[in-house]
Structures are given as C-alpha cells and as structure tokens.
C-alpha cells in the first residue's frame, strides 16, 4: 500500500500524456464539420489536467484526485472520442448538446461558436462526468477517516477551480497568435472575462463539482467496470 499514491500519480501523468496525444491526433484531422473542431476542448482538457497535477503535490486529496483523473478521462473518451460519428441517440445524454453543436462547426467557424462549444464541453464534463469519476475513484480507497477527508477536500478544493482558470488562460494563449485580428480580439475579451469574473468562476465550478457528486451518490451506483454509468 505504501506505493499506492505513487502508482496513482503515475496513472494520472499517463492520462496527461494521453490527452496531449489525443489533441495532436484531432488536430491532424481534415477540417470537416464535427471532425477537427474537437481539438478545441481537447486542448482545454489537457491544460486543465496538467494544471491540476501541478497543484496536487502535498494536497490532502492528492491520492483520490490522481485516481479521479483516470476515471474522468474514461468518461471523456466514452462521451466524446467514441461518439464523434455515432447517432446522437447513442451519445451519453450530457454530451448530446455538445455533439449537436460540434457537428455544425469547423475550425473556420465564428470564434464565438467555438467558445460556446468549449463551454458546453466543460459543463458536461464537470457537472455530469466528475461525480461518477469521483464516486468510482472513492470506491478504490480504504474506508475510514482519511477517505472522508479526501472526499471533503476534493469537493471543496479551491485549487481545482484555480487550475481550470489557469488552463483556460493557457488555452487562450495557445490560440493567441491566430492570423485573424477579430479572433485575437475575442480571445483577449474572453481572457479579461475569466480574470475579472474569477470569483464567479470559482463558485460556479465548485457548485458543479459538489452537485455532480451529490447527484451521483444519490442516484447512481458504479457498474462492475468501476465507472459509474450515466443516468
């Protein structure tokens, strides 16, 4: 058991590497509707994971969070990557609105639609996927006060919200050198909104996290694979 946190950390770092590879694969797709455009959220997600990993050293909830990162990715893969060409009826319900919009867009679409798409993805993943990911990860920890402390710390974590905000700014910086002046203006405005509305963002993200887990523990039990299904 002594090496369990290190193993969990290694698994989380592997997810971060996988997300970078996924972003590269999506970016290489032809820019047809509903194809390459998925790279937008992939970049935000990989930056968020990297930022979250960087904030977890020494955190009370570190071991649980490392385990959550792996479960979280499984739900992203099943909700986005596996479903890119699936009929909407077969897409997990929380991700349908995202896919409905993505299938109308390319990377040449208006940037405000790209920002809407990324926002839809972030909400689906945090508000709906995170609860099942935490629930599944918690079941892998020994019962006791330490587990309860980790769950409480994770649900109330300010660091995870700060990681998302930093990642959103990383995402903006990634696309900041776009040749379109109009796009650069939109990105600067988006960046100012993230900074200026930071307290609201932090409160909203914490609310999504807590409601997602509360809903999961109330309504959903994990299946035998260890990943809770969607309701």
C-alpha atoms as a PDB file:
ATOM      1  CA  UNK A   1       0.000   0.000   0.000  1.00  0.00           C
ATOM      2  CA  UNK A   2       2.990   2.315   0.522  1.00  0.00           C
ATOM      3  CA  UNK A   3       3.440   2.740  -3.238  1.00  0.00           C
ATOM      4  CA  UNK A   4      -0.274   3.236  -3.980  1.00  0.00           C
ATOM      5  CA  UNK A   5      -0.105   7.087  -4.133  1.00  0.00           C
ATOM      6  CA  UNK A   6       2.912   6.906  -6.455  1.00  0.00           C
ATOM      7  CA  UNK A   7       1.113   4.418  -8.678  1.00  0.00           C
ATOM      8  CA  UNK A   8      -1.954   6.665  -8.755  1.00  0.00           C
ATOM      9  CA  UNK A   9       0.219   9.667  -9.622  1.00  0.00           C
ATOM     10  CA  UNK A  10       1.883   7.730 -12.444  1.00  0.00           C
ATOM     11  CA  UNK A  11      -1.545   6.794 -13.799  1.00  0.00           C
ATOM     12  CA  UNK A  12      -2.641  10.434 -13.732  1.00  0.00           C
ATOM     13  CA  UNK A  13       0.525  11.524 -15.511  1.00  0.00           C
ATOM     14  CA  UNK A  14      -0.152   8.875 -18.166  1.00  0.00           C
ATOM     15  CA  UNK A  15      -3.585  10.428 -18.702  1.00  0.00           C
ATOM     16  CA  UNK A  16      -1.967  13.836 -19.181  1.00  0.00           C
ATOM     17  CA  UNK A  17       0.331  12.346 -21.824  1.00  0.00           C
ATOM     18  CA  UNK A  18      -2.603  10.614 -23.494  1.00  0.00           C
ATOM     19  CA  UNK A  19      -4.544  13.880 -23.672  1.00  0.00           C
ATOM     20  CA  UNK A  20      -1.622  15.595 -25.379  1.00  0.00           C
ATOM     21  CA  UNK A  21      -1.530  12.766 -27.916  1.00  0.00           C
ATOM     22  CA  UNK A  22      -5.304  12.956 -28.436  1.00  0.00           C
ATOM     23  CA  UNK A  23      -5.066  16.689 -29.109  1.00  0.00           C
ATOM     24  CA  UNK A  24      -2.351  16.009 -31.687  1.00  0.00           C
ATOM     25  CA  UNK A  25      -4.423  13.313 -33.400  1.00  0.00           C
ATOM     26  CA  UNK A  26      -7.524  15.509 -33.545  1.00  0.00           C
ATOM     27  CA  UNK A  27      -5.517  18.437 -34.857  1.00  0.00           C
ATOM     28  CA  UNK A  28      -4.354  16.279 -37.758  1.00  0.00           C
ATOM     29  CA  UNK A  29      -7.903  15.518 -38.928  1.00  0.00           C
ATOM     30  CA  UNK A  30      -9.363  17.216 -42.020  1.00  0.00           C
ATOM     31  CA  UNK A  31     -11.322  20.309 -41.066  1.00  0.00           C
ATOM     32  CA  UNK A  32     -14.720  18.898 -41.928  1.00  0.00           C
ATOM     33  CA  UNK A  33     -17.761  19.610 -39.790  1.00  0.00           C
ATOM     34  CA  UNK A  34     -17.613  17.761 -36.499  1.00  0.00           C
ATOM     35  CA  UNK A  35     -14.066  16.495 -37.051  1.00  0.00           C
ATOM     36  CA  UNK A  36     -11.028  18.602 -36.217  1.00  0.00           C
ATOM     37  CA  UNK A  37     -13.120  21.018 -34.119  1.00  0.00           C
ATOM     38  CA  UNK A  38     -13.000  18.530 -31.216  1.00  0.00           C
ATOM     39  CA  UNK A  39      -9.388  19.603 -30.730  1.00  0.00           C
ATOM     40  CA  UNK A  40     -10.606  22.787 -29.013  1.00  0.00           C
ATOM     41  CA  UNK A  41     -11.894  21.096 -25.882  1.00  0.00           C
ATOM     42  CA  UNK A  42      -9.091  18.537 -26.034  1.00  0.00           C
ATOM     43  CA  UNK A  43      -6.593  21.377 -25.566  1.00  0.00           C
ATOM     44  CA  UNK A  44      -8.545  22.894 -22.671  1.00  0.00           C
ATOM     45  CA  UNK A  45      -8.857  19.485 -21.039  1.00  0.00           C
ATOM     46  CA  UNK A  46      -5.157  18.647 -21.364  1.00  0.00           C
ATOM     47  CA  UNK A  47      -4.153  22.039 -19.955  1.00  0.00           C
ATOM     48  CA  UNK A  48      -6.584  21.604 -17.051  1.00  0.00           C
ATOM     49  CA  UNK A  49      -5.213  18.153 -16.248  1.00  0.00           C
ATOM     50  CA  UNK A  50      -1.630  19.435 -16.329  1.00  0.00           C
ATOM     51  CA  UNK A  51      -2.501  22.379 -14.084  1.00  0.00           C
ATOM     52  CA  UNK A  52      -4.408  20.163 -11.655  1.00  0.00           C
ATOM     53  CA  UNK A  53      -1.494  17.742 -11.429  1.00  0.00           C
ATOM     54  CA  UNK A  54       0.797  20.651 -10.674  1.00  0.00           C
ATOM     55  CA  UNK A  55      -1.424  21.762  -7.797  1.00  0.00           C
ATOM     56  CA  UNK A  56      -1.770  18.385  -6.107  1.00  0.00           C
ATOM     57  CA  UNK A  57       1.678  17.870  -4.590  1.00  0.00           C
ATOM     58  CA  UNK A  58       1.139  17.654  -0.845  1.00  0.00           C
ATOM     59  CA  UNK A  59      -2.629  18.200  -1.070  1.00  0.00           C
ATOM     60  CA  UNK A  60      -4.858  16.259   1.331  1.00  0.00           C
ATOM     61  CA  UNK A  61      -6.911  14.945  -1.563  1.00  0.00           C
ATOM     62  CA  UNK A  62      -3.954  14.049  -3.801  1.00  0.00           C
ATOM     63  CA  UNK A  63      -4.328  10.256  -3.896  1.00  0.00           C
ATOM     64  CA  UNK A  64      -8.051  10.457  -4.566  1.00  0.00           C
ATOM     65  CA  UNK A  65      -7.583  13.172  -7.200  1.00  0.00           C
ATOM     66  CA  UNK A  66      -4.963  11.112  -9.036  1.00  0.00           C
ATOM     67  CA  UNK A  67      -7.459   8.247  -9.233  1.00  0.00           C
ATOM     68  CA  UNK A  68     -10.241  10.589 -10.322  1.00  0.00           C
ATOM     69  CA  UNK A  69      -8.129  11.855 -13.238  1.00  0.00           C
ATOM     70  CA  UNK A  70      -8.068   8.368 -14.744  1.00  0.00           C
ATOM     71  CA  UNK A  71     -11.800   7.780 -14.274  1.00  0.00           C
ATOM     72  CA  UNK A  72     -12.549  11.269 -15.582  1.00  0.00           C
ATOM     73  CA  UNK A  73     -10.650  10.554 -18.791  1.00  0.00           C
ATOM     74  CA  UNK A  74     -12.570   7.301 -19.327  1.00  0.00           C
ATOM     75  CA  UNK A  75     -15.829   9.263 -19.325  1.00  0.00           C
ATOM     76  CA  UNK A  76     -14.428  11.894 -21.693  1.00  0.00           C
ATOM     77  CA  UNK A  77     -13.338   9.138 -24.070  1.00  0.00           C
ATOM     78  CA  UNK A  78     -16.753   7.470 -23.976  1.00  0.00           C
ATOM     79  CA  UNK A  79     -18.665  10.762 -24.212  1.00  0.00           C
ATOM     80  CA  UNK A  80     -16.576  12.479 -26.902  1.00  0.00           C
ATOM     81  CA  UNK A  81     -13.975  10.371 -28.686  1.00  0.00           C
ATOM     82  CA  UNK A  82     -16.067   7.227 -29.150  1.00  0.00           C
ATOM     83  CA  UNK A  83     -19.137   9.225 -30.166  1.00  0.00           C
ATOM     84  CA  UNK A  84     -17.769  11.568 -32.817  1.00  0.00           C
ATOM     85  CA  UNK A  85     -19.600   9.725 -35.595  1.00  0.00           C
ATOM     86  CA  UNK A  86     -22.293   7.985 -33.550  1.00  0.00           C
ATOM     87  CA  UNK A  87     -26.006   8.782 -33.911  1.00  0.00           C
ATOM     88  CA  UNK A  88     -26.964  11.413 -31.337  1.00  0.00           C
ATOM     89  CA  UNK A  89     -29.349   8.970 -29.684  1.00  0.00           C
ATOM     90  CA  UNK A  90     -26.329   6.805 -28.792  1.00  0.00           C
ATOM     91  CA  UNK A  91     -24.338   9.685 -27.302  1.00  0.00           C
ATOM     92  CA  UNK A  92     -24.445   9.916 -23.467  1.00  0.00           C
ATOM     93  CA  UNK A  93     -27.179  12.430 -22.685  1.00  0.00           C
ATOM     94  CA  UNK A  94     -24.957  15.071 -21.009  1.00  0.00           C
ATOM     95  CA  UNK A  95     -22.810  15.267 -24.162  1.00  0.00           C
ATOM     96  CA  UNK A  96     -25.563  15.467 -26.795  1.00  0.00           C
ATOM     97  CA  UNK A  97     -25.782  19.255 -26.883  1.00  0.00           C
ATOM     98  CA  UNK A  98     -22.006  19.461 -27.322  1.00  0.00           C
ATOM     99  CA  UNK A  99     -22.047  16.985 -30.219  1.00  0.00           C
ATOM    100  CA  UNK A 100     -25.064  18.659 -31.808  1.00  0.00           C
ATOM    101  CA  UNK A 101     -23.139  21.938 -31.969  1.00  0.00           C
ATOM    102  CA  UNK A 102     -19.788  20.331 -32.889  1.00  0.00           C
ATOM    103  CA  UNK A 103     -21.317  18.620 -35.927  1.00  0.00           C
ATOM    104  CA  UNK A 104     -22.169  22.004 -37.397  1.00  0.00           C
ATOM    105  CA  UNK A 105     -18.741  23.548 -36.895  1.00  0.00           C
ATOM    106  CA  UNK A 106     -15.250  23.575 -38.347  1.00  0.00           C
ATOM    107  CA  UNK A 107     -12.191  25.457 -37.108  1.00  0.00           C
ATOM    108  CA  UNK A 108     -13.128  28.188 -39.569  1.00  0.00           C
ATOM    109  CA  UNK A 109     -16.486  28.794 -37.898  1.00  0.00           C
ATOM    110  CA  UNK A 110     -17.016  32.051 -35.961  1.00  0.00           C
ATOM    111  CA  UNK A 111     -14.988  32.101 -32.774  1.00  0.00           C
ATOM    112  CA  UNK A 112     -17.960  32.839 -30.520  1.00  0.00           C
ATOM    113  CA  UNK A 113     -19.367  29.459 -31.604  1.00  0.00           C
ATOM    114  CA  UNK A 114     -16.051  27.831 -30.685  1.00  0.00           C
ATOM    115  CA  UNK A 115     -16.245  29.401 -27.225  1.00  0.00           C
ATOM    116  CA  UNK A 116     -19.830  28.186 -26.830  1.00  0.00           C
ATOM    117  CA  UNK A 117     -18.703  24.689 -27.844  1.00  0.00           C
ATOM    118  CA  UNK A 118     -15.865  24.648 -25.311  1.00  0.00           C
ATOM    119  CA  UNK A 119     -18.193  25.954 -22.597  1.00  0.00           C
ATOM    120  CA  UNK A 120     -20.730  23.204 -23.342  1.00  0.00           C
ATOM    121  CA  UNK A 121     -17.980  20.603 -23.093  1.00  0.00           C
ATOM    122  CA  UNK A 122     -16.618  21.977 -19.827  1.00  0.00           C
ATOM    123  CA  UNK A 123     -20.065  21.974 -18.248  1.00  0.00           C
ATOM    124  CA  UNK A 124     -20.877  18.449 -19.427  1.00  0.00           C
ATOM    125  CA  UNK A 125     -17.566  17.085 -18.197  1.00  0.00           C
ATOM    126  CA  UNK A 126     -17.528  18.793 -14.788  1.00  0.00           C
ATOM    127  CA  UNK A 127     -21.235  18.929 -13.974  1.00  0.00           C
ATOM    128  CA  UNK A 128     -22.011  15.385 -15.153  1.00  0.00           C
ATOM    129  CA  UNK A 129     -18.817  13.328 -15.563  1.00  0.00           C
ATOM    130  CA  UNK A 130     -16.946  14.420 -12.459  1.00  0.00           C
ATOM    131  CA  UNK A 131     -19.427  12.982  -9.953  1.00  0.00           C
ATOM    132  CA  UNK A 132     -19.296   9.462 -11.416  1.00  0.00           C
ATOM    133  CA  UNK A 133     -15.488   9.736 -11.690  1.00  0.00           C
ATOM    134  CA  UNK A 134     -15.146  10.679  -8.012  1.00  0.00           C
ATOM    135  CA  UNK A 135     -17.638   8.020  -6.955  1.00  0.00           C
ATOM    136  CA  UNK A 136     -15.718   5.310  -8.809  1.00  0.00           C
ATOM    137  CA  UNK A 137     -12.355   6.528  -7.511  1.00  0.00           C
ATOM    138  CA  UNK A 138     -13.562   6.674  -3.898  1.00  0.00           C
ATOM    139  CA  UNK A 139     -14.549   3.015  -4.044  1.00  0.00           C
ATOM    140  CA  UNK A 140     -10.884   2.153  -4.676  1.00  0.00           C
ATOM    141  CA  UNK A 141      -9.699   3.728  -1.406  1.00  0.00           C
ATOM    142  CA  UNK A 142      -9.820   2.031   2.012  1.00  0.00           C
ATOM    143  CA  UNK A 143     -12.755   3.131   4.121  1.00  0.00           C
ATOM    144  CA  UNK A 144     -12.007   5.360   7.074  1.00  0.00           C
ATOM    145  CA  UNK A 145     -11.436   8.961   8.180  1.00  0.00           C
ATOM    146  CA  UNK A 146      -8.695   9.534   5.602  1.00  0.00           C
ATOM    147  CA  UNK A 147     -11.040   8.704   2.746  1.00  0.00           C
ATOM    148  CA  UNK A 148     -13.722  11.014   4.153  1.00  0.00           C
ATOM    149  CA  UNK A 149     -11.168  13.842   4.494  1.00  0.00           C
ATOM    150  CA  UNK A 150     -10.005  13.373   0.920  1.00  0.00           C
ATOM    151  CA  UNK A 151     -13.559  13.464  -0.454  1.00  0.00           C
ATOM    152  CA  UNK A 152     -14.402  16.593   1.533  1.00  0.00           C
ATOM    153  CA  UNK A 153     -11.167  18.308   0.499  1.00  0.00           C
ATOM    154  CA  UNK A 154     -11.689  17.439  -3.168  1.00  0.00           C
ATOM    155  CA  UNK A 155     -15.271  18.700  -3.229  1.00  0.00           C
ATOM    156  CA  UNK A 156     -14.282  21.965  -1.560  1.00  0.00           C
ATOM    157  CA  UNK A 157     -10.975  22.328  -3.371  1.00  0.00           C
ATOM    158  CA  UNK A 158     -10.160  25.828  -4.498  1.00  0.00           C
ATOM    159  CA  UNK A 159      -7.050  24.521  -6.244  1.00  0.00           C
ATOM    160  CA  UNK A 160      -9.033  22.576  -8.837  1.00  0.00           C
ATOM    161  CA  UNK A 161     -11.026  25.690  -9.709  1.00  0.00           C
ATOM    162  CA  UNK A 162      -7.846  27.745  -9.942  1.00  0.00           C
ATOM    163  CA  UNK A 163      -6.349  25.023 -12.152  1.00  0.00           C
ATOM    164  CA  UNK A 164      -9.285  25.322 -14.547  1.00  0.00           C
ATOM    165  CA  UNK A 165      -8.985  29.112 -14.712  1.00  0.00           C
ATOM    166  CA  UNK A 166      -5.238  28.890 -15.356  1.00  0.00           C
ATOM    167  CA  UNK A 167      -5.891  26.246 -18.011  1.00  0.00           C
ATOM    168  CA  UNK A 168      -8.487  28.453 -19.701  1.00  0.00           C
ATOM    169  CA  UNK A 169      -5.834  31.146 -19.971  1.00  0.00           C
ATOM    170  CA  UNK A 170      -3.367  28.546 -21.302  1.00  0.00           C
ATOM    171  CA  UNK A 171      -5.986  27.648 -23.897  1.00  0.00           C
ATOM    172  CA  UNK A 172      -6.353  31.290 -24.909  1.00  0.00           C
ATOM    173  CA  UNK A 173      -2.581  31.710 -25.153  1.00  0.00           C
ATOM    174  CA  UNK A 174      -2.412  28.582 -27.342  1.00  0.00           C
ATOM    175  CA  UNK A 175      -4.568  30.282 -29.973  1.00  0.00           C
ATOM    176  CA  UNK A 176      -3.446  33.875 -29.347  1.00  0.00           C
ATOM    177  CA  UNK A 177      -1.260  34.126 -32.440  1.00  0.00           C
ATOM    178  CA  UNK A 178      -4.145  33.377 -34.829  1.00  0.00           C
ATOM    179  CA  UNK A 179      -3.815  35.454 -38.038  1.00  0.00           C
ATOM    180  CA  UNK A 180      -7.355  36.801 -37.672  1.00  0.00           C
ATOM    181  CA  UNK A 181      -7.377  40.102 -35.770  1.00  0.00           C
ATOM    182  CA  UNK A 182     -11.062  39.593 -34.932  1.00  0.00           C
ATOM    183  CA  UNK A 183     -10.288  36.262 -33.287  1.00  0.00           C
ATOM    184  CA  UNK A 184      -7.460  37.767 -31.293  1.00  0.00           C
ATOM    185  CA  UNK A 185      -9.820  40.468 -30.015  1.00  0.00           C
ATOM    186  CA  UNK A 186     -12.386  37.845 -28.973  1.00  0.00           C
ATOM    187  CA  UNK A 187      -9.717  35.875 -27.146  1.00  0.00           C
ATOM    188  CA  UNK A 188      -8.480  38.965 -25.285  1.00  0.00           C
ATOM    189  CA  UNK A 189     -12.049  39.740 -24.210  1.00  0.00           C
ATOM    190  CA  UNK A 190     -12.529  36.144 -23.108  1.00  0.00           C
ATOM    191  CA  UNK A 191      -9.304  36.311 -21.114  1.00  0.00           C
ATOM    192  CA  UNK A 192     -10.399  39.519 -19.391  1.00  0.00           C
ATOM    193  CA  UNK A 193     -13.729  37.919 -18.584  1.00  0.00           C
ATOM    194  CA  UNK A 194     -12.015  34.943 -16.977  1.00  0.00           C
ATOM    195  CA  UNK A 195      -9.795  37.197 -14.865  1.00  0.00           C
ATOM    196  CA  UNK A 196     -12.471  39.747 -13.996  1.00  0.00           C
ATOM    197  CA  UNK A 197     -15.130  37.170 -13.150  1.00  0.00           C
ATOM    198  CA  UNK A 198     -12.750  34.815 -11.339  1.00  0.00           C
ATOM    199  CA  UNK A 199     -14.760  34.676  -8.061  1.00  0.00           C
ATOM    200  CA  UNK A 200     -17.897  33.756 -10.018  1.00  0.00           C
ATOM    201  CA  UNK A 201     -15.997  31.103 -11.972  1.00  0.00           C
ATOM    202  CA  UNK A 202     -14.601  29.572  -8.790  1.00  0.00           C
ATOM    203  CA  UNK A 203     -18.032  29.485  -7.150  1.00  0.00           C
ATOM    204  CA  UNK A 204     -19.668  28.028 -10.265  1.00  0.00           C
ATOM    205  CA  UNK A 205     -17.049  25.311 -10.678  1.00  0.00           C
ATOM    206  CA  UNK A 206     -17.280  24.299  -7.037  1.00  0.00           C
ATOM    207  CA  UNK A 207     -21.062  24.187  -7.307  1.00  0.00           C
ATOM    208  CA  UNK A 208     -20.909  21.949 -10.376  1.00  0.00           C
ATOM    209  CA  UNK A 209     -18.430  19.654  -8.643  1.00  0.00           C
ATOM    210  CA  UNK A 210     -20.458  19.299  -5.480  1.00  0.00           C
ATOM    211  CA  UNK A 211     -23.823  18.871  -7.229  1.00  0.00           C
ATOM    212  CA  UNK A 212     -22.391  16.300  -9.598  1.00  0.00           C
ATOM    213  CA  UNK A 213     -21.064  14.159  -6.767  1.00  0.00           C
ATOM    214  CA  UNK A 214     -24.211  14.580  -4.653  1.00  0.00           C
ATOM    215  CA  UNK A 215     -26.398  13.541  -7.567  1.00  0.00           C
ATOM    216  CA  UNK A 216     -24.181  10.570  -8.315  1.00  0.00           C
ATOM    217  CA  UNK A 217     -24.121   9.254  -4.769  1.00  0.00           C
ATOM    218  CA  UNK A 218     -27.891   9.638  -4.586  1.00  0.00           C
ATOM    219  CA  UNK A 219     -28.924   8.149  -7.912  1.00  0.00           C
ATOM    220  CA  UNK A 220     -26.084   6.122  -9.436  1.00  0.00           C
ATOM    221  CA  UNK A 221     -24.144   3.075  -8.340  1.00  0.00           C
ATOM    222  CA  UNK A 222     -20.996   2.069 -10.256  1.00  0.00           C
ATOM    223  CA  UNK A 223     -21.258  -0.869 -12.587  1.00  0.00           C
ATOM    224  CA  UNK A 224     -18.843  -3.801 -12.467  1.00  0.00           C
ATOM    225  CA  UNK A 225     -16.292  -1.964 -14.598  1.00  0.00           C
ATOM    226  CA  UNK A 226     -15.858   0.563 -11.799  1.00  0.00           C
ATOM    227  CA  UNK A 227     -17.047   3.511 -13.911  1.00  0.00           C
ATOM    228  CA  UNK A 228     -20.485   4.764 -12.994  1.00  0.00           C
ATOM    229  CA  UNK A 229     -22.965   4.827 -15.911  1.00  0.00           C
ATOM    230  CA  UNK A 230     -24.933   7.881 -16.909  1.00  0.00           C
ATOM    231  CA  UNK A 231     -28.431   8.439 -15.646  1.00  0.00           C
END
